[in-house]
N, C-alpha and C. Protein backbone atom coordinates (compact mmCIF):
# COMPACT_ATOMS: atom_id res chain seq x y z
N MET A 1 -64.25 -10.29 102.45
CA MET A 1 -63.84 -10.81 101.13
C MET A 1 -62.78 -9.89 100.56
N SER A 2 -61.82 -10.46 99.92
CA SER A 2 -60.73 -9.70 99.31
C SER A 2 -61.20 -9.03 98.03
N THR A 3 -60.55 -7.94 97.73
CA THR A 3 -60.81 -7.30 96.44
C THR A 3 -59.70 -7.71 95.49
N SER A 4 -59.86 -7.35 94.22
CA SER A 4 -58.83 -7.73 93.25
C SER A 4 -57.52 -7.00 93.51
N SER A 5 -57.55 -5.88 94.24
CA SER A 5 -56.31 -5.15 94.46
C SER A 5 -55.65 -5.48 95.78
N SER A 6 -56.33 -6.19 96.68
CA SER A 6 -55.68 -6.55 97.94
C SER A 6 -56.25 -7.88 98.44
N LEU A 7 -55.42 -8.58 99.17
CA LEU A 7 -55.85 -9.82 99.79
C LEU A 7 -55.71 -9.66 101.28
N SER A 8 -56.55 -10.33 102.03
CA SER A 8 -56.50 -10.19 103.47
C SER A 8 -55.19 -10.74 104.02
N LYS A 9 -54.82 -10.22 105.18
CA LYS A 9 -53.59 -10.68 105.82
C LYS A 9 -53.65 -12.18 106.13
N PRO A 10 -54.77 -12.70 106.67
CA PRO A 10 -54.82 -14.15 106.89
C PRO A 10 -54.64 -14.97 105.61
N THR A 11 -55.22 -14.51 104.50
CA THR A 11 -55.06 -15.22 103.23
C THR A 11 -53.58 -15.28 102.84
N ARG A 12 -52.91 -14.14 102.94
CA ARG A 12 -51.48 -14.10 102.60
C ARG A 12 -50.66 -14.95 103.57
N MET A 13 -50.96 -14.87 104.84
CA MET A 13 -50.20 -15.63 105.83
C MET A 13 -50.39 -17.14 105.64
N PHE A 14 -51.64 -17.56 105.41
CA PHE A 14 -51.89 -18.98 105.15
C PHE A 14 -51.16 -19.43 103.88
N HIS A 15 -51.25 -18.63 102.83
CA HIS A 15 -50.59 -18.99 101.57
C HIS A 15 -49.10 -19.21 101.78
N TRP A 16 -48.42 -18.21 102.32
CA TRP A 16 -46.97 -18.29 102.46
C TRP A 16 -46.54 -19.28 103.53
N GLY A 17 -47.28 -19.34 104.62
CA GLY A 17 -46.94 -20.30 105.68
C GLY A 17 -47.05 -21.74 105.19
N VAL A 18 -48.17 -22.07 104.57
CA VAL A 18 -48.36 -23.43 104.05
C VAL A 18 -47.37 -23.69 102.93
N ALA A 19 -47.18 -22.71 102.04
CA ALA A 19 -46.28 -22.91 100.90
C ALA A 19 -44.85 -23.21 101.34
N VAL A 20 -44.32 -22.38 102.22
CA VAL A 20 -42.93 -22.57 102.66
C VAL A 20 -42.77 -23.89 103.41
N LEU A 21 -43.68 -24.17 104.33
CA LEU A 21 -43.57 -25.42 105.09
C LEU A 21 -43.78 -26.64 104.19
N PHE A 22 -44.75 -26.57 103.30
CA PHE A 22 -45.05 -27.70 102.41
C PHE A 22 -43.85 -27.99 101.50
N ILE A 23 -43.27 -26.96 100.91
CA ILE A 23 -42.12 -27.15 100.02
C ILE A 23 -40.92 -27.68 100.81
N ALA A 24 -40.73 -27.17 102.03
CA ALA A 24 -39.63 -27.65 102.86
C ALA A 24 -39.81 -29.12 103.22
N VAL A 25 -41.03 -29.50 103.60
CA VAL A 25 -41.29 -30.90 103.96
C VAL A 25 -41.14 -31.80 102.73
N LEU A 26 -41.59 -31.33 101.58
CA LEU A 26 -41.43 -32.08 100.33
C LEU A 26 -39.95 -32.29 100.01
N ALA A 27 -39.18 -31.22 100.05
CA ALA A 27 -37.75 -31.31 99.74
C ALA A 27 -37.04 -32.21 100.75
N PHE A 28 -37.38 -32.06 102.02
CA PHE A 28 -36.76 -32.89 103.05
C PHE A 28 -37.12 -34.36 102.85
N GLY A 29 -38.36 -34.62 102.48
CA GLY A 29 -38.78 -36.00 102.20
C GLY A 29 -38.03 -36.61 101.04
N LEU A 30 -37.82 -35.84 99.99
CA LEU A 30 -37.05 -36.32 98.84
C LEU A 30 -35.60 -36.61 99.23
N TYR A 31 -35.05 -35.78 100.09
CA TYR A 31 -33.69 -35.99 100.58
C TYR A 31 -33.60 -37.26 101.43
N VAL A 32 -34.50 -37.39 102.39
CA VAL A 32 -34.48 -38.52 103.33
C VAL A 32 -34.72 -39.84 102.61
N GLU A 33 -35.55 -39.82 101.59
CA GLU A 33 -35.89 -41.03 100.84
C GLU A 33 -34.64 -41.76 100.33
N ASP A 34 -33.64 -41.01 99.93
CA ASP A 34 -32.44 -41.61 99.34
C ASP A 34 -31.35 -41.96 100.35
N LEU A 35 -31.56 -41.68 101.62
CA LEU A 35 -30.56 -42.01 102.63
C LEU A 35 -30.57 -43.51 102.91
N PRO A 36 -29.42 -44.05 103.31
CA PRO A 36 -29.39 -45.48 103.67
C PRO A 36 -30.18 -45.70 104.96
N ASN A 37 -30.78 -46.87 105.10
CA ASN A 37 -31.54 -47.19 106.31
C ASN A 37 -30.63 -47.15 107.53
N GLY A 38 -31.19 -46.68 108.62
CA GLY A 38 -30.43 -46.60 109.86
C GLY A 38 -31.14 -45.69 110.84
N PRO A 39 -30.59 -45.55 112.05
CA PRO A 39 -31.26 -44.74 113.07
C PRO A 39 -31.38 -43.26 112.68
N ASP A 40 -30.36 -42.73 112.00
CA ASP A 40 -30.44 -41.32 111.58
C ASP A 40 -31.60 -41.11 110.61
N LYS A 41 -31.74 -42.04 109.66
CA LYS A 41 -32.83 -41.93 108.69
C LYS A 41 -34.18 -42.04 109.43
N GLY A 42 -34.27 -42.93 110.39
CA GLY A 42 -35.51 -43.08 111.15
C GLY A 42 -35.88 -41.80 111.89
N GLN A 43 -34.90 -41.13 112.48
CA GLN A 43 -35.17 -39.87 113.17
C GLN A 43 -35.62 -38.80 112.18
N MET A 44 -34.98 -38.77 111.02
CA MET A 44 -35.35 -37.76 110.02
C MET A 44 -36.74 -38.02 109.46
N ILE A 45 -37.09 -39.29 109.29
CA ILE A 45 -38.45 -39.61 108.85
C ILE A 45 -39.45 -39.17 109.91
N GLY A 46 -39.09 -39.33 111.18
CA GLY A 46 -39.95 -38.84 112.26
C GLY A 46 -40.18 -37.34 112.18
N LEU A 47 -39.12 -36.59 111.88
CA LEU A 47 -39.27 -35.14 111.70
C LEU A 47 -40.14 -34.83 110.48
N HIS A 48 -39.91 -35.57 109.39
CA HIS A 48 -40.71 -35.39 108.17
C HIS A 48 -42.19 -35.59 108.48
N LYS A 49 -42.50 -36.65 109.22
CA LYS A 49 -43.90 -36.94 109.58
C LYS A 49 -44.47 -35.84 110.48
N SER A 50 -43.67 -35.38 111.43
CA SER A 50 -44.14 -34.35 112.36
C SER A 50 -44.46 -33.05 111.64
N PHE A 51 -43.54 -32.62 110.79
CA PHE A 51 -43.79 -31.38 110.04
C PHE A 51 -44.91 -31.58 109.00
N GLY A 52 -45.00 -32.79 108.44
CA GLY A 52 -46.12 -33.09 107.54
C GLY A 52 -47.45 -32.98 108.23
N PHE A 53 -47.51 -33.40 109.48
CA PHE A 53 -48.76 -33.28 110.26
C PHE A 53 -49.11 -31.81 110.48
N ILE A 54 -48.09 -30.99 110.73
CA ILE A 54 -48.33 -29.55 110.89
C ILE A 54 -48.85 -28.96 109.58
N VAL A 55 -48.29 -29.41 108.45
CA VAL A 55 -48.81 -28.98 107.14
C VAL A 55 -50.30 -29.31 107.05
N LEU A 56 -50.67 -30.53 107.45
CA LEU A 56 -52.07 -30.94 107.40
C LEU A 56 -52.95 -30.01 108.24
N LEU A 57 -52.51 -29.68 109.43
CA LEU A 57 -53.30 -28.78 110.29
C LEU A 57 -53.41 -27.38 109.68
N LEU A 58 -52.29 -26.83 109.23
CA LEU A 58 -52.31 -25.49 108.62
C LEU A 58 -53.11 -25.47 107.32
N ALA A 59 -52.94 -26.50 106.50
CA ALA A 59 -53.67 -26.56 105.24
C ALA A 59 -55.17 -26.68 105.49
N SER A 60 -55.55 -27.44 106.51
CA SER A 60 -56.97 -27.56 106.86
C SER A 60 -57.53 -26.21 107.28
N ALA A 61 -56.77 -25.50 108.12
CA ALA A 61 -57.20 -24.16 108.54
C ALA A 61 -57.27 -23.22 107.35
N ARG A 62 -56.31 -23.35 106.44
CA ARG A 62 -56.31 -22.50 105.24
C ARG A 62 -57.55 -22.73 104.40
N ILE A 63 -57.92 -23.98 104.24
CA ILE A 63 -59.10 -24.30 103.42
C ILE A 63 -60.37 -23.82 104.10
N VAL A 64 -60.45 -23.95 105.42
CA VAL A 64 -61.60 -23.41 106.15
C VAL A 64 -61.67 -21.90 105.93
N TRP A 65 -60.52 -21.23 106.03
CA TRP A 65 -60.48 -19.78 105.79
C TRP A 65 -60.91 -19.45 104.36
N ARG A 66 -60.46 -20.25 103.42
CA ARG A 66 -60.81 -20.02 102.01
C ARG A 66 -62.31 -20.11 101.80
N PHE A 67 -62.96 -21.09 102.44
CA PHE A 67 -64.42 -21.20 102.35
C PHE A 67 -65.09 -19.99 103.01
N LYS A 68 -64.54 -19.54 104.13
CA LYS A 68 -65.11 -18.40 104.84
C LYS A 68 -64.98 -17.12 104.01
N GLU A 69 -63.78 -16.91 103.46
CA GLU A 69 -63.51 -15.67 102.73
C GLU A 69 -63.95 -15.71 101.27
N GLY A 70 -63.98 -16.90 100.71
CA GLY A 70 -64.34 -17.04 99.30
C GLY A 70 -63.09 -17.14 98.44
N PRO A 71 -63.27 -17.49 97.17
CA PRO A 71 -62.11 -17.64 96.28
C PRO A 71 -61.42 -16.31 96.05
N ILE A 72 -60.15 -16.40 95.74
CA ILE A 72 -59.38 -15.20 95.42
C ILE A 72 -59.90 -14.66 94.09
N PRO A 73 -60.29 -13.40 94.07
CA PRO A 73 -60.82 -12.83 92.83
C PRO A 73 -59.75 -12.74 91.75
N VAL A 74 -60.18 -12.90 90.54
CA VAL A 74 -59.24 -12.81 89.41
C VAL A 74 -58.94 -11.34 89.12
N ILE A 75 -57.81 -11.15 88.48
CA ILE A 75 -57.44 -9.81 88.03
C ILE A 75 -58.33 -9.48 86.83
N PRO A 76 -59.01 -8.35 86.84
CA PRO A 76 -59.87 -8.00 85.69
C PRO A 76 -59.09 -8.00 84.38
N GLY A 77 -59.71 -8.55 83.34
CA GLY A 77 -59.10 -8.57 82.02
C GLY A 77 -58.29 -9.82 81.73
N SER A 78 -58.22 -10.74 82.69
CA SER A 78 -57.48 -11.99 82.44
C SER A 78 -58.25 -12.85 81.45
N PRO A 79 -57.55 -13.47 80.50
CA PRO A 79 -58.23 -14.37 79.56
C PRO A 79 -58.88 -15.54 80.32
N SER A 80 -59.98 -16.04 79.81
CA SER A 80 -60.70 -17.11 80.51
C SER A 80 -59.87 -18.39 80.63
N TRP A 81 -59.04 -18.69 79.60
CA TRP A 81 -58.20 -19.90 79.70
C TRP A 81 -57.23 -19.78 80.86
N GLN A 82 -56.74 -18.57 81.09
CA GLN A 82 -55.79 -18.32 82.16
C GLN A 82 -56.47 -18.45 83.52
N GLU A 83 -57.68 -17.94 83.62
CA GLU A 83 -58.45 -18.07 84.86
C GLU A 83 -58.72 -19.53 85.18
N LYS A 84 -59.09 -20.31 84.16
CA LYS A 84 -59.35 -21.74 84.36
C LYS A 84 -58.08 -22.49 84.75
N ALA A 85 -56.98 -22.16 84.11
CA ALA A 85 -55.70 -22.81 84.44
C ALA A 85 -55.29 -22.48 85.87
N ALA A 86 -55.43 -21.22 86.24
CA ALA A 86 -55.07 -20.80 87.60
C ALA A 86 -55.94 -21.50 88.63
N LYS A 87 -57.23 -21.58 88.35
CA LYS A 87 -58.16 -22.25 89.27
C LYS A 87 -57.79 -23.73 89.42
N ALA A 88 -57.46 -24.39 88.33
CA ALA A 88 -57.07 -25.80 88.38
C ALA A 88 -55.79 -25.98 89.19
N VAL A 89 -54.80 -25.14 88.94
CA VAL A 89 -53.53 -25.22 89.67
C VAL A 89 -53.76 -24.98 91.16
N HIS A 90 -54.55 -23.98 91.49
CA HIS A 90 -54.83 -23.69 92.91
C HIS A 90 -55.55 -24.86 93.57
N HIS A 91 -56.53 -25.43 92.90
CA HIS A 91 -57.26 -26.56 93.48
C HIS A 91 -56.35 -27.78 93.67
N ILE A 92 -55.49 -28.04 92.69
CA ILE A 92 -54.55 -29.17 92.83
C ILE A 92 -53.63 -28.95 94.03
N LEU A 93 -53.10 -27.74 94.16
CA LEU A 93 -52.20 -27.47 95.28
C LEU A 93 -52.92 -27.52 96.62
N LEU A 94 -54.13 -26.97 96.69
CA LEU A 94 -54.90 -27.05 97.93
C LEU A 94 -55.19 -28.51 98.31
N LEU A 95 -55.60 -29.28 97.35
CA LEU A 95 -55.88 -30.69 97.59
C LEU A 95 -54.61 -31.44 97.99
N ALA A 96 -53.52 -31.14 97.33
CA ALA A 96 -52.25 -31.82 97.62
C ALA A 96 -51.76 -31.53 99.04
N THR A 97 -52.02 -30.31 99.55
CA THR A 97 -51.58 -30.00 100.91
C THR A 97 -52.33 -30.82 101.94
N LEU A 98 -53.46 -31.37 101.55
CA LEU A 98 -54.19 -32.29 102.43
C LEU A 98 -53.81 -33.74 102.16
N LEU A 99 -53.79 -34.11 100.87
CA LEU A 99 -53.58 -35.52 100.51
C LEU A 99 -52.16 -36.02 100.76
N MET A 100 -51.16 -35.15 100.61
CA MET A 100 -49.79 -35.60 100.88
C MET A 100 -49.64 -36.03 102.35
N PRO A 101 -50.03 -35.21 103.33
CA PRO A 101 -49.89 -35.67 104.71
C PRO A 101 -50.81 -36.86 105.03
N ILE A 102 -52.02 -36.86 104.47
CA ILE A 102 -52.93 -37.99 104.73
C ILE A 102 -52.36 -39.28 104.17
N SER A 103 -51.77 -39.23 102.98
CA SER A 103 -51.19 -40.44 102.41
C SER A 103 -49.96 -40.88 103.21
N GLY A 104 -49.22 -39.93 103.76
CA GLY A 104 -48.09 -40.26 104.63
C GLY A 104 -48.56 -40.94 105.90
N ILE A 105 -49.64 -40.43 106.46
CA ILE A 105 -50.22 -41.05 107.66
C ILE A 105 -50.71 -42.46 107.32
N ALA A 106 -51.33 -42.63 106.16
CA ALA A 106 -51.80 -43.96 105.73
C ALA A 106 -50.63 -44.93 105.60
N MET A 107 -49.50 -44.44 105.06
CA MET A 107 -48.30 -45.29 104.95
C MET A 107 -47.84 -45.74 106.32
N SER A 108 -47.79 -44.81 107.25
CA SER A 108 -47.29 -45.10 108.58
C SER A 108 -48.22 -46.05 109.33
N VAL A 109 -49.50 -45.74 109.33
CA VAL A 109 -50.49 -46.59 110.01
C VAL A 109 -50.56 -47.95 109.33
N GLY A 110 -50.56 -47.96 108.01
CA GLY A 110 -50.60 -49.22 107.27
C GLY A 110 -49.39 -50.09 107.54
N GLY A 111 -48.26 -49.46 107.87
CA GLY A 111 -47.04 -50.20 108.20
C GLY A 111 -47.00 -50.63 109.65
N GLY A 112 -48.08 -50.33 110.39
CA GLY A 112 -48.15 -50.72 111.80
C GLY A 112 -47.41 -49.79 112.73
N ARG A 113 -46.95 -48.65 112.22
CA ARG A 113 -46.13 -47.75 113.03
C ARG A 113 -46.92 -46.65 113.74
N GLY A 114 -48.13 -46.39 113.35
CA GLY A 114 -48.86 -45.29 113.96
C GLY A 114 -48.26 -43.95 113.56
N LEU A 115 -48.55 -42.93 114.37
CA LEU A 115 -48.03 -41.59 114.09
C LEU A 115 -47.72 -40.89 115.40
N ALA A 116 -46.51 -40.40 115.50
CA ALA A 116 -46.09 -39.56 116.62
C ALA A 116 -45.67 -38.22 116.04
N VAL A 117 -46.06 -37.15 116.69
CA VAL A 117 -45.69 -35.81 116.25
C VAL A 117 -44.73 -35.25 117.29
N PHE A 118 -43.48 -35.10 116.88
CA PHE A 118 -42.41 -34.67 117.77
C PHE A 118 -42.39 -35.51 119.05
N GLY A 119 -42.56 -36.83 118.86
CA GLY A 119 -42.50 -37.78 119.96
C GLY A 119 -43.79 -37.98 120.71
N ILE A 120 -44.80 -37.21 120.41
CA ILE A 120 -46.09 -37.34 121.09
C ILE A 120 -46.99 -38.22 120.24
N PRO A 121 -47.41 -39.38 120.78
CA PRO A 121 -48.27 -40.27 119.99
C PRO A 121 -49.61 -39.62 119.65
N VAL A 122 -49.95 -39.66 118.37
CA VAL A 122 -51.23 -39.13 117.90
C VAL A 122 -52.12 -40.28 117.47
N ILE A 123 -51.53 -41.24 116.75
CA ILE A 123 -52.22 -42.46 116.35
C ILE A 123 -51.35 -43.62 116.84
N PRO A 124 -51.91 -44.48 117.68
CA PRO A 124 -51.07 -45.56 118.21
C PRO A 124 -50.68 -46.57 117.13
N ALA A 125 -49.51 -47.19 117.36
CA ALA A 125 -49.07 -48.26 116.46
C ALA A 125 -50.03 -49.43 116.62
N GLY A 126 -50.16 -50.19 115.56
CA GLY A 126 -51.06 -51.35 115.59
C GLY A 126 -50.60 -52.39 114.60
N ASP A 127 -51.52 -53.23 114.23
CA ASP A 127 -51.20 -54.27 113.24
C ASP A 127 -50.97 -53.63 111.87
N LYS A 128 -50.15 -54.29 111.07
CA LYS A 128 -49.95 -53.84 109.69
C LYS A 128 -51.24 -54.04 108.91
N VAL A 129 -51.53 -53.06 108.08
CA VAL A 129 -52.65 -53.14 107.15
C VAL A 129 -52.03 -52.93 105.77
N GLU A 130 -51.64 -54.03 105.16
CA GLU A 130 -50.83 -54.00 103.94
C GLU A 130 -51.41 -53.10 102.86
N TRP A 131 -52.69 -53.25 102.57
CA TRP A 131 -53.30 -52.48 101.49
C TRP A 131 -53.26 -50.99 101.79
N LEU A 132 -53.46 -50.61 103.06
CA LEU A 132 -53.44 -49.20 103.44
C LEU A 132 -52.04 -48.62 103.27
N GLY A 133 -51.04 -49.38 103.69
CA GLY A 133 -49.66 -48.94 103.51
C GLY A 133 -49.31 -48.77 102.04
N GLN A 134 -49.76 -49.70 101.20
CA GLN A 134 -49.47 -49.64 99.76
C GLN A 134 -50.18 -48.45 99.10
N VAL A 135 -51.45 -48.27 99.43
CA VAL A 135 -52.20 -47.13 98.87
C VAL A 135 -51.54 -45.82 99.30
N GLY A 136 -51.18 -45.73 100.57
CA GLY A 136 -50.51 -44.53 101.07
C GLY A 136 -49.19 -44.27 100.36
N HIS A 137 -48.42 -45.34 100.19
CA HIS A 137 -47.09 -45.22 99.54
C HIS A 137 -47.22 -44.76 98.09
N VAL A 138 -48.07 -45.43 97.34
CA VAL A 138 -48.23 -45.07 95.91
C VAL A 138 -48.78 -43.65 95.78
N THR A 139 -49.77 -43.33 96.59
CA THR A 139 -50.37 -41.99 96.54
C THR A 139 -49.33 -40.93 96.88
N HIS A 140 -48.53 -41.18 97.92
CA HIS A 140 -47.50 -40.23 98.34
C HIS A 140 -46.48 -39.99 97.23
N GLU A 141 -46.04 -41.05 96.58
CA GLU A 141 -45.04 -40.92 95.50
C GLU A 141 -45.61 -40.23 94.27
N VAL A 142 -46.80 -40.64 93.85
CA VAL A 142 -47.41 -40.03 92.66
C VAL A 142 -47.70 -38.56 92.92
N LEU A 143 -48.26 -38.26 94.09
CA LEU A 143 -48.57 -36.87 94.41
C LEU A 143 -47.32 -36.00 94.46
N ALA A 144 -46.23 -36.54 94.96
CA ALA A 144 -44.99 -35.76 95.01
C ALA A 144 -44.62 -35.27 93.61
N ASN A 145 -44.72 -36.14 92.63
CA ASN A 145 -44.39 -35.74 91.25
C ASN A 145 -45.41 -34.75 90.70
N ILE A 146 -46.66 -34.96 90.98
CA ILE A 146 -47.70 -34.03 90.53
C ILE A 146 -47.50 -32.66 91.18
N VAL A 147 -47.19 -32.66 92.46
CA VAL A 147 -46.98 -31.41 93.19
C VAL A 147 -45.79 -30.64 92.63
N ILE A 148 -44.71 -31.32 92.36
CA ILE A 148 -43.53 -30.65 91.82
C ILE A 148 -43.88 -29.97 90.49
N ALA A 149 -44.54 -30.70 89.60
CA ALA A 149 -44.93 -30.12 88.31
C ALA A 149 -45.90 -28.96 88.49
N THR A 150 -46.85 -29.10 89.40
CA THR A 150 -47.84 -28.05 89.62
C THR A 150 -47.21 -26.82 90.26
N LEU A 151 -46.27 -27.04 91.17
CA LEU A 151 -45.56 -25.91 91.78
C LEU A 151 -44.78 -25.13 90.74
N VAL A 152 -44.13 -25.84 89.82
CA VAL A 152 -43.39 -25.17 88.74
C VAL A 152 -44.35 -24.31 87.91
N LEU A 153 -45.51 -24.86 87.58
CA LEU A 153 -46.52 -24.08 86.83
C LEU A 153 -46.98 -22.86 87.62
N HIS A 154 -47.24 -23.06 88.91
CA HIS A 154 -47.73 -21.98 89.77
C HIS A 154 -46.71 -20.84 89.86
N ILE A 155 -45.46 -21.20 90.10
CA ILE A 155 -44.41 -20.19 90.21
C ILE A 155 -44.18 -19.51 88.85
N ALA A 156 -44.17 -20.30 87.78
CA ALA A 156 -44.01 -19.72 86.44
C ALA A 156 -45.16 -18.76 86.13
N GLY A 157 -46.38 -19.14 86.51
CA GLY A 157 -47.53 -18.27 86.29
C GLY A 157 -47.40 -16.96 87.06
N ALA A 158 -46.97 -17.05 88.31
CA ALA A 158 -46.81 -15.84 89.12
C ALA A 158 -45.75 -14.93 88.51
N LEU A 159 -44.65 -15.51 88.06
CA LEU A 159 -43.60 -14.71 87.43
C LEU A 159 -44.07 -14.11 86.11
N LYS A 160 -44.84 -14.87 85.34
CA LYS A 160 -45.39 -14.35 84.08
C LYS A 160 -46.27 -13.13 84.37
N HIS A 161 -47.13 -13.26 85.38
CA HIS A 161 -48.00 -12.13 85.73
C HIS A 161 -47.17 -10.90 86.11
N HIS A 162 -46.10 -11.13 86.85
CA HIS A 162 -45.31 -10.01 87.35
C HIS A 162 -44.41 -9.39 86.28
N ILE A 163 -43.73 -10.25 85.51
CA ILE A 163 -42.73 -9.76 84.56
C ILE A 163 -43.32 -9.40 83.20
N ILE A 164 -44.18 -10.26 82.67
CA ILE A 164 -44.72 -10.04 81.33
C ILE A 164 -45.99 -9.22 81.36
N ASP A 165 -46.98 -9.67 82.16
CA ASP A 165 -48.27 -8.97 82.21
C ASP A 165 -48.19 -7.68 83.02
N LYS A 166 -47.25 -7.63 83.95
CA LYS A 166 -47.09 -6.47 84.84
C LYS A 166 -48.41 -6.12 85.55
N ASP A 167 -49.11 -7.18 86.01
CA ASP A 167 -50.36 -6.93 86.73
C ASP A 167 -50.13 -7.08 88.24
N GLU A 168 -51.19 -7.03 88.99
CA GLU A 168 -51.12 -6.98 90.45
C GLU A 168 -51.10 -8.36 91.12
N THR A 169 -51.10 -9.45 90.35
CA THR A 169 -51.25 -10.78 90.92
C THR A 169 -50.22 -11.07 92.01
N LEU A 170 -48.96 -10.95 91.70
CA LEU A 170 -47.92 -11.25 92.68
C LEU A 170 -47.86 -10.18 93.77
N LYS A 171 -48.03 -8.94 93.39
CA LYS A 171 -47.98 -7.86 94.37
C LYS A 171 -49.04 -8.02 95.46
N ARG A 172 -50.24 -8.42 95.08
CA ARG A 172 -51.28 -8.56 96.09
C ARG A 172 -51.01 -9.76 97.00
N MET A 173 -50.35 -10.82 96.48
CA MET A 173 -50.01 -11.96 97.34
C MET A 173 -48.86 -11.61 98.28
N LEU A 174 -48.08 -10.60 97.91
CA LEU A 174 -47.00 -10.13 98.77
C LEU A 174 -47.47 -9.00 99.69
N GLY A 175 -48.73 -8.57 99.52
CA GLY A 175 -49.27 -7.50 100.37
C GLY A 175 -48.80 -6.12 99.95
N LYS A 176 -48.43 -5.97 98.68
CA LYS A 176 -47.88 -4.70 98.20
C LYS A 176 -48.84 -3.92 97.30
N SER A 177 -50.10 -4.35 97.26
CA SER A 177 -51.04 -3.57 96.43
C SER A 177 -52.22 -3.17 97.24
């Protein structure tokens, strides 16, 4: 279990690995969404799906690790409202790292396309399941907006801790405490 002054290397690696890949896949998805339909867009969507699947695998491993290691301890002296806000933001982001790829898979399967990861079939194409595709699509779009807002809060909170509070929150996530 981590102490308030240090976090384990796997915790830090999972955090930064999932964060960087998740943000990259999100940004790439937003970019691809606005491209005109065509073979190039189809290839890019394939890459988006493949990297999204990797996010799902890494995020799942991260959550298993989180259960094994326990929640990240709070910095002593933090106000309770701040602890509750941080916990809510963390839970939303953890859940989003699972639900975004799952909703993307639902969109693909619901559209009858299945799922291939870097060209390797993982879920075979089949019949369209209209309701599944719609649920996946709406969930994916709504979550993208929620994730963007939550990421802004998360980053702003980390900067507040570092610049204003001058506590160890960011330093321990960077492995510097």
